[in-house]
mmCIF file of all heavy atoms, coordinates in Angstrom:
data_MODEL
# 
_entry.id   MODEL 
# 
loop_
_atom_site.group_PDB 
_atom_site.id 
_atom_site.type_symbol 
_atom_site.label_atom_id 
_atom_site.label_alt_id 
_atom_site.label_comp_id 
_atom_site.label_asym_id 
_atom_site.label_entity_id 
_atom_site.label_seq_id 
_atom_site.pdbx_PDB_ins_code 
_atom_site.Cartn_x 
_atom_site.Cartn_y 
_atom_site.Cartn_z 
_atom_site.occupancy 
_atom_site.B_iso_or_equiv 
_atom_site.pdbx_formal_charge 
_atom_site.auth_seq_id 
_atom_site.auth_comp_id 
_atom_site.auth_asym_id 
_atom_site.auth_atom_id 
_atom_site.pdbx_PDB_model_num 
ATOM 1   N N   . ASP A 1 1  ? 12.280 -51.666 38.851 1.00 0.00 ? 1  ASP A N   1 
ATOM 2   C CA  . ASP A 1 1  ? 13.051 -50.447 38.604 1.00 0.00 ? 1  ASP A CA  1 
ATOM 3   C C   . ASP A 1 1  ? 14.083 -50.812 37.551 1.00 0.00 ? 1  ASP A C   1 
ATOM 4   O O   . ASP A 1 1  ? 15.120 -51.411 37.862 1.00 0.00 ? 1  ASP A O   1 
ATOM 5   C CB  . ASP A 1 1  ? 13.700 -49.965 39.902 1.00 0.00 ? 1  ASP A CB  1 
ATOM 6   C CG  . ASP A 1 1  ? 14.424 -48.639 39.731 1.00 0.00 ? 1  ASP A CG  1 
ATOM 7   O OD1 . ASP A 1 1  ? 14.800 -48.296 38.593 1.00 0.00 ? 1  ASP A OD1 1 
ATOM 8   O OD2 . ASP A 1 1  ? 14.623 -47.952 40.743 1.00 0.00 ? 1  ASP A OD2 1 
ATOM 9   N N   . ASN A 1 2  ? 13.789 -50.475 36.301 1.00 0.00 ? 2  ASN A N   1 
ATOM 10  C CA  . ASN A 1 2  ? 14.662 -50.892 35.213 1.00 0.00 ? 2  ASN A CA  1 
ATOM 11  C C   . ASN A 1 2  ? 16.044 -50.228 35.303 1.00 0.00 ? 2  ASN A C   1 
ATOM 12  O O   . ASN A 1 2  ? 17.036 -50.779 34.841 1.00 0.00 ? 2  ASN A O   1 
ATOM 13  C CB  . ASN A 1 2  ? 14.013 -50.588 33.867 1.00 0.00 ? 2  ASN A CB  1 
ATOM 14  C CG  . ASN A 1 2  ? 12.811 -51.494 33.605 1.00 0.00 ? 2  ASN A CG  1 
ATOM 15  O OD1 . ASN A 1 2  ? 12.731 -52.612 34.109 1.00 0.00 ? 2  ASN A OD1 1 
ATOM 16  N ND2 . ASN A 1 2  ? 11.881 -51.005 32.817 1.00 0.00 ? 2  ASN A ND2 1 
ATOM 17  N N   . ALA A 1 3  ? 16.095 -49.043 35.895 1.00 0.00 ? 3  ALA A N   1 
ATOM 18  C CA  . ALA A 1 3  ? 17.379 -48.367 36.047 1.00 0.00 ? 3  ALA A CA  1 
ATOM 19  C C   . ALA A 1 3  ? 18.296 -49.105 37.008 1.00 0.00 ? 3  ALA A C   1 
ATOM 20  O O   . ALA A 1 3  ? 19.518 -49.018 36.915 1.00 0.00 ? 3  ALA A O   1 
ATOM 21  C CB  . ALA A 1 3  ? 17.163 -46.934 36.507 1.00 0.00 ? 3  ALA A CB  1 
ATOM 22  N N   . LYS A 1 4  ? 17.680 -49.809 37.965 1.00 0.00 ? 4  LYS A N   1 
ATOM 23  C CA  . LYS A 1 4  ? 18.454 -50.542 38.973 1.00 0.00 ? 4  LYS A CA  1 
ATOM 24  C C   . LYS A 1 4  ? 18.505 -52.050 38.680 1.00 0.00 ? 4  LYS A C   1 
ATOM 25  O O   . LYS A 1 4  ? 19.058 -52.820 39.468 1.00 0.00 ? 4  LYS A O   1 
ATOM 26  C CB  . LYS A 1 4  ? 17.871 -50.320 40.356 1.00 0.00 ? 4  LYS A CB  1 
ATOM 27  C CG  . LYS A 1 4  ? 17.969 -48.880 40.842 1.00 0.00 ? 4  LYS A CG  1 
ATOM 28  C CD  . LYS A 1 4  ? 17.433 -48.733 42.249 1.00 0.00 ? 4  LYS A CD  1 
ATOM 29  C CE  . LYS A 1 4  ? 17.587 -47.311 42.760 1.00 0.00 ? 4  LYS A CE  1 
ATOM 30  N NZ  . LYS A 1 4  ? 17.068 -47.149 44.134 1.00 0.00 ? 4  LYS A NZ  1 
ATOM 31  N N   . ASN A 1 5  ? 17.890 -52.464 37.568 1.00 0.00 ? 5  ASN A N   1 
ATOM 32  C CA  . ASN A 1 5  ? 17.847 -53.903 37.227 1.00 0.00 ? 5  ASN A CA  1 
ATOM 33  C C   . ASN A 1 5  ? 17.295 -54.742 38.380 1.00 0.00 ? 5  ASN A C   1 
ATOM 34  O O   . ASN A 1 5  ? 17.831 -55.813 38.691 1.00 0.00 ? 5  ASN A O   1 
ATOM 35  C CB  . ASN A 1 5  ? 19.235 -54.424 36.838 1.00 0.00 ? 5  ASN A CB  1 
ATOM 36  C CG  . ASN A 1 5  ? 19.693 -53.922 35.484 1.00 0.00 ? 5  ASN A CG  1 
ATOM 37  O OD1 . ASN A 1 5  ? 18.949 -53.209 34.794 1.00 0.00 ? 5  ASN A OD1 1 
ATOM 38  N ND2 . ASN A 1 5  ? 20.897 -54.274 35.104 1.00 0.00 ? 5  ASN A ND2 1 
ATOM 39  N N   . THR A 1 6  ? 16.243 -54.247 38.985 1.00 0.00 ? 6  THR A N   1 
ATOM 40  C CA  . THR A 1 6  ? 15.715 -54.899 40.178 1.00 0.00 ? 6  THR A CA  1 
ATOM 41  C C   . THR A 1 6  ? 14.184 -54.976 40.116 1.00 0.00 ? 6  THR A C   1 
ATOM 42  O O   . THR A 1 6  ? 13.530 -54.016 39.689 1.00 0.00 ? 6  THR A O   1 
ATOM 43  C CB  . THR A 1 6  ? 16.118 -54.148 41.453 1.00 0.00 ? 6  THR A CB  1 
ATOM 44  O OG1 . THR A 1 6  ? 17.553 -54.078 41.500 1.00 0.00 ? 6  THR A OG1 1 
ATOM 45  C CG2 . THR A 1 6  ? 15.634 -54.867 42.701 1.00 0.00 ? 6  THR A CG2 1 
ATOM 46  N N   . ALA A 1 7  ? 13.664 -56.124 40.528 1.00 0.00 ? 7  ALA A N   1 
ATOM 47  C CA  . ALA A 1 7  ? 12.237 -56.304 40.706 1.00 0.00 ? 7  ALA A CA  1 
ATOM 48  C C   . ALA A 1 7  ? 11.931 -56.474 42.199 1.00 0.00 ? 7  ALA A C   1 
ATOM 49  O O   . ALA A 1 7  ? 12.795 -56.930 42.959 1.00 0.00 ? 7  ALA A O   1 
ATOM 50  C CB  . ALA A 1 7  ? 11.747 -57.528 39.936 1.00 0.00 ? 7  ALA A CB  1 
ATOM 51  N N   . TYR A 1 8  ? 10.733 -56.110 42.580 1.00 0.00 ? 8  TYR A N   1 
ATOM 52  C CA  . TYR A 1 8  ? 10.352 -56.132 43.983 1.00 0.00 ? 8  TYR A CA  1 
ATOM 53  C C   . TYR A 1 8  ? 9.002  -56.821 44.168 1.00 0.00 ? 8  TYR A C   1 
ATOM 54  O O   . TYR A 1 8  ? 8.177  -56.869 43.253 1.00 0.00 ? 8  TYR A O   1 
ATOM 55  C CB  . TYR A 1 8  ? 10.230 -54.703 44.547 1.00 0.00 ? 8  TYR A CB  1 
ATOM 56  C CG  . TYR A 1 8  ? 11.453 -53.867 44.363 1.00 0.00 ? 8  TYR A CG  1 
ATOM 57  C CD1 . TYR A 1 8  ? 11.588 -53.005 43.294 1.00 0.00 ? 8  TYR A CD1 1 
ATOM 58  C CD2 . TYR A 1 8  ? 12.502 -53.942 45.291 1.00 0.00 ? 8  TYR A CD2 1 
ATOM 59  C CE1 . TYR A 1 8  ? 12.720 -52.229 43.119 1.00 0.00 ? 8  TYR A CE1 1 
ATOM 60  C CE2 . TYR A 1 8  ? 13.633 -53.158 45.135 1.00 0.00 ? 8  TYR A CE2 1 
ATOM 61  C CZ  . TYR A 1 8  ? 13.737 -52.302 44.050 1.00 0.00 ? 8  TYR A CZ  1 
ATOM 62  O OH  . TYR A 1 8  ? 14.854 -51.552 43.883 1.00 0.00 ? 8  TYR A OH  1 
ATOM 63  N N   . LEU A 1 9  ? 8.804  -57.353 45.363 1.00 0.00 ? 9  LEU A N   1 
ATOM 64  C CA  . LEU A 1 9  ? 7.487  -57.854 45.758 1.00 0.00 ? 9  LEU A CA  1 
ATOM 65  C C   . LEU A 1 9  ? 7.210  -57.328 47.162 1.00 0.00 ? 9  LEU A C   1 
ATOM 66  O O   . LEU A 1 9  ? 7.827  -57.783 48.117 1.00 0.00 ? 9  LEU A O   1 
ATOM 67  C CB  . LEU A 1 9  ? 7.416  -59.369 45.710 1.00 0.00 ? 9  LEU A CB  1 
ATOM 68  C CG  . LEU A 1 9  ? 6.032  -59.960 45.989 1.00 0.00 ? 9  LEU A CG  1 
ATOM 69  C CD1 . LEU A 1 9  ? 5.074  -59.623 44.850 1.00 0.00 ? 9  LEU A CD1 1 
ATOM 70  C CD2 . LEU A 1 9  ? 6.103  -61.475 46.194 1.00 0.00 ? 9  LEU A CD2 1 
ATOM 71  N N   . GLN A 1 10 ? 6.310  -56.362 47.247 1.00 0.00 ? 10 GLN A N   1 
ATOM 72  C CA  . GLN A 1 10 ? 5.891  -55.842 48.543 1.00 0.00 ? 10 GLN A CA  1 
ATOM 73  C C   . GLN A 1 10 ? 4.744  -56.705 49.026 1.00 0.00 ? 10 GLN A C   1 
ATOM 74  O O   . GLN A 1 10 ? 3.717  -56.827 48.358 1.00 0.00 ? 10 GLN A O   1 
ATOM 75  C CB  . GLN A 1 10 ? 5.444  -54.381 48.413 1.00 0.00 ? 10 GLN A CB  1 
ATOM 76  C CG  . GLN A 1 10 ? 4.912  -53.783 49.697 1.00 0.00 ? 10 GLN A CG  1 
ATOM 77  C CD  . GLN A 1 10 ? 5.985  -53.631 50.767 1.00 0.00 ? 10 GLN A CD  1 
ATOM 78  O OE1 . GLN A 1 10 ? 7.107  -53.215 50.469 1.00 0.00 ? 10 GLN A OE1 1 
ATOM 79  N NE2 . GLN A 1 10 ? 5.657  -53.989 51.996 1.00 0.00 ? 10 GLN A NE2 1 
ATOM 80  N N   . MET A 1 11 ? 4.905  -57.283 50.199 1.00 0.00 ? 11 MET A N   1 
ATOM 81  C CA  . MET A 1 11 ? 3.913  -58.193 50.760 1.00 0.00 ? 11 MET A CA  1 
ATOM 82  C C   . MET A 1 11 ? 3.380  -57.617 52.068 1.00 0.00 ? 11 MET A C   1 
ATOM 83  O O   . MET A 1 11 ? 4.133  -57.462 53.024 1.00 0.00 ? 11 MET A O   1 
ATOM 84  C CB  . MET A 1 11 ? 4.528  -59.573 50.992 1.00 0.00 ? 11 MET A CB  1 
ATOM 85  C CG  . MET A 1 11 ? 5.178  -60.160 49.757 1.00 0.00 ? 11 MET A CG  1 
ATOM 86  S SD  . MET A 1 11 ? 5.754  -61.855 50.005 1.00 0.00 ? 11 MET A SD  1 
ATOM 87  C CE  . MET A 1 11 ? 7.058  -61.578 51.185 1.00 0.00 ? 11 MET A CE  1 
ATOM 88  N N   . ASN A 1 12 ? 2.102  -57.287 52.077 1.00 0.00 ? 12 ASN A N   1 
ATOM 89  C CA  . ASN A 1 12 ? 1.433  -56.764 53.275 1.00 0.00 ? 12 ASN A CA  1 
ATOM 90  C C   . ASN A 1 12 ? 0.380  -57.744 53.767 1.00 0.00 ? 12 ASN A C   1 
ATOM 91  O O   . ASN A 1 12 ? -0.033 -58.650 53.045 1.00 0.00 ? 12 ASN A O   1 
ATOM 92  C CB  . ASN A 1 12 ? 0.797  -55.413 52.944 1.00 0.00 ? 12 ASN A CB  1 
ATOM 93  C CG  . ASN A 1 12 ? 1.787  -54.374 52.503 1.00 0.00 ? 12 ASN A CG  1 
ATOM 94  O OD1 . ASN A 1 12 ? 2.938  -54.359 52.928 1.00 0.00 ? 12 ASN A OD1 1 
ATOM 95  N ND2 . ASN A 1 12 ? 1.359  -53.485 51.628 1.00 0.00 ? 12 ASN A ND2 1 
ATOM 96  N N   . SER A 1 13 ? -0.067 -57.530 54.986 1.00 0.00 ? 13 SER A N   1 
ATOM 97  C CA  . SER A 1 13 ? -1.111 -58.376 55.584 1.00 0.00 ? 13 SER A CA  1 
ATOM 98  C C   . SER A 1 13 ? -0.799 -59.852 55.406 1.00 0.00 ? 13 SER A C   1 
ATOM 99  O O   . SER A 1 13 ? -1.651 -60.650 54.993 1.00 0.00 ? 13 SER A O   1 
ATOM 100 C CB  . SER A 1 13 ? -2.476 -58.032 54.954 1.00 0.00 ? 13 SER A CB  1 
ATOM 101 O OG  . SER A 1 13 ? -2.792 -56.677 55.123 1.00 0.00 ? 13 SER A OG  1 
ATOM 102 N N   . LEU A 1 14 ? 0.427  -60.217 55.721 1.00 0.00 ? 14 LEU A N   1 
ATOM 103 C CA  . LEU A 1 14 ? 0.864  -61.591 55.500 1.00 0.00 ? 14 LEU A CA  1 
ATOM 104 C C   . LEU A 1 14 ? 0.092  -62.576 56.388 1.00 0.00 ? 14 LEU A C   1 
ATOM 105 O O   . LEU A 1 14 ? -0.275 -62.262 57.520 1.00 0.00 ? 14 LEU A O   1 
ATOM 106 C CB  . LEU A 1 14 ? 2.356  -61.707 55.755 1.00 0.00 ? 14 LEU A CB  1 
ATOM 107 C CG  . LEU A 1 14 ? 3.213  -61.165 54.611 1.00 0.00 ? 14 LEU A CG  1 
ATOM 108 C CD1 . LEU A 1 14 ? 4.627  -60.859 55.077 1.00 0.00 ? 14 LEU A CD1 1 
ATOM 109 C CD2 . LEU A 1 14 ? 3.246  -62.175 53.454 1.00 0.00 ? 14 LEU A CD2 1 
ATOM 110 N N   . LYS A 1 15 ? -0.123 -63.766 55.802 1.00 0.00 ? 15 LYS A N   1 
ATOM 111 C CA  . LYS A 1 15 ? -0.862 -64.828 56.466 1.00 0.00 ? 15 LYS A CA  1 
ATOM 112 C C   . LYS A 1 15 ? 0.038  -66.061 56.600 1.00 0.00 ? 15 LYS A C   1 
ATOM 113 O O   . LYS A 1 15 ? 0.961  -66.228 55.809 1.00 0.00 ? 15 LYS A O   1 
ATOM 114 C CB  . LYS A 1 15 ? -2.102 -65.200 55.653 1.00 0.00 ? 15 LYS A CB  1 
ATOM 115 C CG  . LYS A 1 15 ? -3.026 -64.040 55.348 1.00 0.00 ? 15 LYS A CG  1 
ATOM 116 C CD  . LYS A 1 15 ? -4.161 -64.475 54.430 1.00 0.00 ? 15 LYS A CD  1 
ATOM 117 C CE  . LYS A 1 15 ? -5.104 -63.332 54.106 1.00 0.00 ? 15 LYS A CE  1 
ATOM 118 N NZ  . LYS A 1 15 ? -6.211 -63.761 53.218 1.00 0.00 ? 15 LYS A NZ  1 
ATOM 119 N N   . PRO A 1 16 ? -0.239 -66.935 57.537 1.00 0.00 ? 16 PRO A N   1 
ATOM 120 C CA  . PRO A 1 16 ? 0.572  -68.173 57.655 1.00 0.00 ? 16 PRO A CA  1 
ATOM 121 C C   . PRO A 1 16 ? 0.618  -68.950 56.342 1.00 0.00 ? 16 PRO A C   1 
ATOM 122 O O   . PRO A 1 16 ? 1.659  -69.562 56.043 1.00 0.00 ? 16 PRO A O   1 
ATOM 123 C CB  . PRO A 1 16 ? -0.150 -68.943 58.751 1.00 0.00 ? 16 PRO A CB  1 
ATOM 124 C CG  . PRO A 1 16 ? -0.765 -67.892 59.612 1.00 0.00 ? 16 PRO A CG  1 
ATOM 125 C CD  . PRO A 1 16 ? -1.194 -66.814 58.658 1.00 0.00 ? 16 PRO A CD  1 
ATOM 126 N N   . GLU A 1 17 ? -0.448 -68.936 55.574 1.00 0.00 ? 17 GLU A N   1 
ATOM 127 C CA  . GLU A 1 17 ? -0.443 -69.666 54.312 1.00 0.00 ? 17 GLU A CA  1 
ATOM 128 C C   . GLU A 1 17 ? 0.429  -69.043 53.215 1.00 0.00 ? 17 GLU A C   1 
ATOM 129 O O   . GLU A 1 17 ? 0.601  -69.626 52.163 1.00 0.00 ? 17 GLU A O   1 
ATOM 130 C CB  . GLU A 1 17 ? -1.882 -69.831 53.767 1.00 0.00 ? 17 GLU A CB  1 
ATOM 131 C CG  . GLU A 1 17 ? -2.684 -68.542 53.693 1.00 0.00 ? 17 GLU A CG  1 
ATOM 132 C CD  . GLU A 1 17 ? -3.569 -68.338 54.914 1.00 0.00 ? 17 GLU A CD  1 
ATOM 133 O OE1 . GLU A 1 17 ? -3.108 -68.571 56.064 1.00 0.00 ? 17 GLU A OE1 1 
ATOM 134 O OE2 . GLU A 1 17 ? -4.735 -67.914 54.719 1.00 0.00 ? 17 GLU A OE2 1 
ATOM 135 N N   . ASP A 1 18 ? 1.003  -67.877 53.501 1.00 0.00 ? 18 ASP A N   1 
ATOM 136 C CA  . ASP A 1 18 ? 1.975  -67.279 52.577 1.00 0.00 ? 18 ASP A CA  1 
ATOM 137 C C   . ASP A 1 18 ? 3.374  -67.844 52.799 1.00 0.00 ? 18 ASP A C   1 
ATOM 138 O O   . ASP A 1 18 ? 4.304  -67.534 52.033 1.00 0.00 ? 18 ASP A O   1 
ATOM 139 C CB  . ASP A 1 18 ? 2.034  -65.764 52.754 1.00 0.00 ? 18 ASP A CB  1 
ATOM 140 C CG  . ASP A 1 18 ? 0.722  -65.072 52.360 1.00 0.00 ? 18 ASP A CG  1 
ATOM 141 O OD1 . ASP A 1 18 ? 0.143  -65.462 51.322 1.00 0.00 ? 18 ASP A OD1 1 
ATOM 142 O OD2 . ASP A 1 18 ? 0.302  -64.160 53.092 1.00 0.00 ? 18 ASP A OD2 1 
ATOM 143 N N   . THR A 1 19 ? 3.538  -68.654 53.835 1.00 0.00 ? 19 THR A N   1 
ATOM 144 C CA  . THR A 1 19 ? 4.830  -69.263 54.127 1.00 0.00 ? 19 THR A CA  1 
ATOM 145 C C   . THR A 1 19 ? 5.283  -70.139 52.968 1.00 0.00 ? 19 THR A C   1 
ATOM 146 O O   . THR A 1 19 ? 4.555  -71.036 52.529 1.00 0.00 ? 19 THR A O   1 
ATOM 147 C CB  . THR A 1 19 ? 4.760  -70.101 55.414 1.00 0.00 ? 19 THR A CB  1 
ATOM 148 O OG1 . THR A 1 19 ? 4.495  -69.232 56.516 1.00 0.00 ? 19 THR A OG1 1 
ATOM 149 C CG2 . THR A 1 19 ? 6.068  -70.857 55.640 1.00 0.00 ? 19 THR A CG2 1 
ATOM 150 N N   . ALA A 1 20 ? 6.484  -69.874 52.447 1.00 0.00 ? 20 ALA A N   1 
ATOM 151 C CA  . ALA A 1 20 ? 7.002  -70.593 51.291 1.00 0.00 ? 20 ALA A CA  1 
ATOM 152 C C   . ALA A 1 20 ? 8.404  -70.081 50.970 1.00 0.00 ? 20 ALA A C   1 
ATOM 153 O O   . ALA A 1 20 ? 8.839  -69.062 51.515 1.00 0.00 ? 20 ALA A O   1 
ATOM 154 C CB  . ALA A 1 20 ? 6.114  -70.388 50.075 1.00 0.00 ? 20 ALA A CB  1 
ATOM 155 N N   . VAL A 1 21 ? 9.070  -70.769 50.073 1.00 0.00 ? 21 VAL A N   1 
ATOM 156 C CA  . VAL A 1 21 ? 10.266 -70.231 49.441 1.00 0.00 ? 21 VAL A CA  1 
ATOM 157 C C   . VAL A 1 21 ? 9.808  -69.436 48.220 1.00 0.00 ? 21 VAL A C   1 
ATOM 158 O O   . VAL A 1 21 ? 9.048  -69.970 47.393 1.00 0.00 ? 21 VAL A O   1 
ATOM 159 C CB  . VAL A 1 21 ? 11.245 -71.337 49.027 1.00 0.00 ? 21 VAL A CB  1 
ATOM 160 C CG1 . VAL A 1 21 ? 12.467 -70.716 48.324 1.00 0.00 ? 21 VAL A CG1 1 
ATOM 161 C CG2 . VAL A 1 21 ? 11.697 -72.150 50.240 1.00 0.00 ? 21 VAL A CG2 1 
ATOM 162 N N   . TYR A 1 22 ? 10.222 -68.196 48.134 1.00 0.00 ? 22 TYR A N   1 
ATOM 163 C CA  . TYR A 1 22 ? 9.836  -67.326 47.036 1.00 0.00 ? 22 TYR A CA  1 
ATOM 164 C C   . TYR A 1 22 ? 10.990 -67.230 46.031 1.00 0.00 ? 22 TYR A C   1 
ATOM 165 O O   . TYR A 1 22 ? 12.135 -66.975 46.409 1.00 0.00 ? 22 TYR A O   1 
ATOM 166 C CB  . TYR A 1 22 ? 9.470  -65.944 47.577 1.00 0.00 ? 22 TYR A CB  1 
ATOM 167 C CG  . TYR A 1 22 ? 8.116  -65.911 48.225 1.00 0.00 ? 22 TYR A CG  1 
ATOM 168 C CD1 . TYR A 1 22 ? 7.901  -66.552 49.444 1.00 0.00 ? 22 TYR A CD1 1 
ATOM 169 C CD2 . TYR A 1 22 ? 7.033  -65.282 47.615 1.00 0.00 ? 22 TYR A CD2 1 
ATOM 170 C CE1 . TYR A 1 22 ? 6.643  -66.566 50.027 1.00 0.00 ? 22 TYR A CE1 1 
ATOM 171 C CE2 . TYR A 1 22 ? 5.765  -65.272 48.192 1.00 0.00 ? 22 TYR A CE2 1 
ATOM 172 C CZ  . TYR A 1 22 ? 5.583  -65.919 49.404 1.00 0.00 ? 22 TYR A CZ  1 
ATOM 173 O OH  . TYR A 1 22 ? 4.335  -65.922 49.992 1.00 0.00 ? 22 TYR A OH  1 
ATOM 174 N N   . TYR A 1 23 ? 10.637 -67.432 44.762 1.00 0.00 ? 23 TYR A N   1 
ATOM 175 C CA  . TYR A 1 23 ? 11.610 -67.418 43.679 1.00 0.00 ? 23 TYR A CA  1 
ATOM 176 C C   . TYR A 1 23 ? 11.320 -66.297 42.683 1.00 0.00 ? 23 TYR A C   1 
ATOM 177 O O   . TYR A 1 23 ? 10.157 -66.053 42.329 1.00 0.00 ? 23 TYR A O   1 
ATOM 178 C CB  . TYR A 1 23 ? 11.563 -68.731 42.919 1.00 0.00 ? 23 TYR A CB  1 
ATOM 179 C CG  . TYR A 1 23 ? 11.926 -69.957 43.718 1.00 0.00 ? 23 TYR A CG  1 
ATOM 180 C CD1 . TYR A 1 23 ? 10.966 -70.680 44.414 1.00 0.00 ? 23 TYR A CD1 1 
ATOM 181 C CD2 . TYR A 1 23 ? 13.259 -70.394 43.785 1.00 0.00 ? 23 TYR A CD2 1 
ATOM 182 C CE1 . TYR A 1 23 ? 11.296 -71.798 45.151 1.00 0.00 ? 23 TYR A CE1 1 
ATOM 183 C CE2 . TYR A 1 23 ? 13.593 -71.518 44.528 1.00 0.00 ? 23 TYR A CE2 1 
ATOM 184 C CZ  . TYR A 1 23 ? 12.619 -72.211 45.194 1.00 0.00 ? 23 TYR A CZ  1 
ATOM 185 O OH  . TYR A 1 23 ? 12.967 -73.321 45.922 1.00 0.00 ? 23 TYR A OH  1 
ATOM 186 N N   . CYS A 1 24 ? 12.377 -65.662 42.254 1.00 0.00 ? 24 CYS A N   1 
ATOM 187 C CA  . CYS A 1 24 ? 12.288 -64.650 41.206 1.00 0.00 ? 24 CYS A CA  1 
ATOM 188 C C   . CYS A 1 24 ? 12.494 -65.332 39.851 1.00 0.00 ? 24 CYS A C   1 
ATOM 189 O O   . CYS A 1 24 ? 13.316 -66.260 39.740 1.00 0.00 ? 24 CYS A O   1 
ATOM 190 C CB  . CYS A 1 24 ? 13.365 -63.592 41.449 1.00 0.00 ? 24 CYS A CB  1 
ATOM 191 S SG  . CYS A 1 24 ? 13.432 -62.279 40.227 1.00 0.00 ? 24 CYS A SG  1 
ATOM 192 N N   . ASN A 1 25 ? 11.793 -64.862 38.850 1.00 0.00 ? 25 ASN A N   1 
ATOM 193 C CA  . ASN A 1 25 ? 11.878 -65.426 37.500 1.00 0.00 ? 25 ASN A CA  1 
ATOM 194 C C   . ASN A 1 25 ? 11.974 -64.323 36.476 1.00 0.00 ? 25 ASN A C   1 
ATOM 195 O O   . ASN A 1 25 ? 11.291 -63.301 36.573 1.00 0.00 ? 25 ASN A O   1 
ATOM 196 C CB  . ASN A 1 25 ? 10.650 -66.299 37.236 1.00 0.00 ? 25 ASN A CB  1 
ATOM 197 C CG  . ASN A 1 25 ? 10.575 -66.782 35.801 1.00 0.00 ? 25 ASN A CG  1 
ATOM 198 O OD1 . ASN A 1 25 ? 9.945  -66.152 34.955 1.00 0.00 ? 25 ASN A OD1 1 
ATOM 199 N ND2 . ASN A 1 25 ? 11.218 -67.896 35.530 1.00 0.00 ? 25 ASN A ND2 1 
# 
């Protein structure tokens, strides 16, 4: 959302292998 200067990551159907530290770039 460029008006809000924000990026998003919607994560569905999460699995144990998705476990991690998530970083924005």
